[in-house]
Amino acid sequence: MRAPPPTPSCGEDATRYATIGKLLGSRLQREVADCAVQFHGGMGYMDENWTSRYFRDTRLDSIGAGADEVMLRILARVDGYSAE
């Protein structure tokens, strides 16, 4: 079992932890949606199926939460690297 990640102390900037959480969460959500579509095969692409809607919605959630590239730039800037 893994140890839980460190949490920010009172008054500490939580930008890094929030960005990592959003990035990992959105990537995991897309991976789960992709596996569900593959599991259902051709039926997973039909509009009437829940997997098709879930697959589309995960892309929208990812865009709404911030693109992966934006989050990686935020992490780079917080860690002191140039975001160029």
Protein backbone atom coordinates (compact mmCIF):
# COMPACT_ATOMS: atom_id res chain seq x y z
CA MET A 1 0.00 0.00 0.00
CA ARG A 2 1.27 3.45 -0.89
CA ALA A 3 1.68 6.22 1.61
CA PRO A 4 -0.61 9.20 1.04
CA PRO A 5 0.98 12.19 -0.67
CA PRO A 6 2.07 15.08 1.50
CA THR A 7 -0.50 17.79 2.04
CA PRO A 8 0.25 21.51 2.25
CA SER A 9 0.61 23.01 5.69
CA CYS A 10 -1.52 25.87 6.90
CA GLY A 11 -0.62 28.93 4.85
CA GLU A 12 1.43 26.99 2.28
CA ASP A 13 0.61 27.47 -1.39
CA ALA A 14 -1.40 24.48 -2.61
CA THR A 15 -1.05 25.27 -6.34
CA ARG A 16 1.33 22.37 -6.98
CA TYR A 17 -0.85 19.81 -5.20
CA ALA A 18 -4.05 21.02 -6.87
CA THR A 19 -2.43 20.96 -10.30
CA ILE A 20 -1.08 17.44 -9.81
CA GLY A 21 -4.49 16.26 -8.59
CA LYS A 22 -6.30 17.78 -11.58
CA LEU A 23 -3.75 16.43 -14.05
CA LEU A 24 -3.75 12.88 -12.68
CA GLY A 25 -7.52 12.86 -12.24
CA SER A 26 -8.25 13.95 -15.80
CA ARG A 27 -5.74 11.47 -17.25
CA LEU A 28 -7.19 8.61 -15.21
CA GLN A 29 -10.72 9.57 -16.24
CA ARG A 30 -9.75 9.48 -19.93
CA GLU A 31 -8.03 6.12 -19.47
CA VAL A 32 -11.11 4.62 -17.80
CA ALA A 33 -13.38 5.97 -20.55
CA ASP A 34 -11.09 4.55 -23.23
CA CYS A 35 -11.07 1.13 -21.55
CA ALA A 36 -14.88 1.17 -21.30
CA VAL A 37 -15.24 1.95 -25.01
CA GLN A 38 -12.77 -0.80 -25.91
CA PHE A 39 -14.52 -3.28 -23.64
CA HIS A 40 -17.85 -2.67 -25.36
CA GLY A 41 -16.29 -2.81 -28.82
CA GLY A 42 -18.38 -1.31 -31.63
CA MET A 43 -21.31 -0.77 -29.27
CA GLY A 44 -19.15 1.66 -27.29
CA TYR A 45 -19.17 4.14 -30.18
CA MET A 46 -22.94 4.21 -30.65
CA ASP A 47 -24.61 7.40 -29.48
CA GLU A 48 -27.26 5.52 -27.48
CA ASN A 49 -24.66 3.82 -25.32
CA TRP A 50 -23.49 5.39 -22.05
CA THR A 51 -19.86 4.68 -22.89
CA SER A 52 -19.99 6.96 -25.91
CA ARG A 53 -21.42 9.83 -23.83
CA TYR A 54 -18.89 9.20 -21.04
CA PHE A 55 -16.02 9.19 -23.54
CA ARG A 56 -17.15 12.54 -24.99
CA ASP A 57 -17.75 14.04 -21.56
CA THR A 58 -14.26 13.13 -20.32
CA ARG A 59 -12.75 15.18 -23.13
CA LEU A 60 -14.95 18.14 -22.21
CA ASP A 61 -14.05 17.81 -18.53
CA SER A 62 -10.39 17.75 -19.43
CA ILE A 63 -10.69 20.90 -21.50
CA GLY A 64 -12.79 22.64 -18.85
CA ALA A 65 -10.35 21.81 -16.06
CA GLY A 66 -7.44 23.03 -18.15
CA ALA A 67 -5.50 21.30 -20.87
CA ASP A 68 -2.70 18.97 -19.79
CA GLU A 69 -0.13 21.25 -21.39
CA VAL A 70 -1.33 24.19 -19.32
CA MET A 71 -1.11 22.17 -16.12
CA LEU A 72 2.37 20.97 -17.01
CA ARG A 73 3.43 24.58 -17.55
CA ILE A 74 2.01 25.53 -14.15
CA LEU A 75 3.95 22.69 -12.53
CA ALA A 76 7.13 23.78 -14.30
CA ARG A 77 6.70 27.37 -13.15
CA VAL A 78 5.93 26.35 -9.54
CA ASP A 79 8.98 24.06 -9.48
CA GLY A 80 11.21 26.88 -10.76
CA TYR A 81 11.70 25.79 -14.37
CA SER A 82 11.20 27.93 -17.42
CA ALA A 83 7.78 27.26 -18.94
CA GLU A 84 8.96 27.94 -22.50
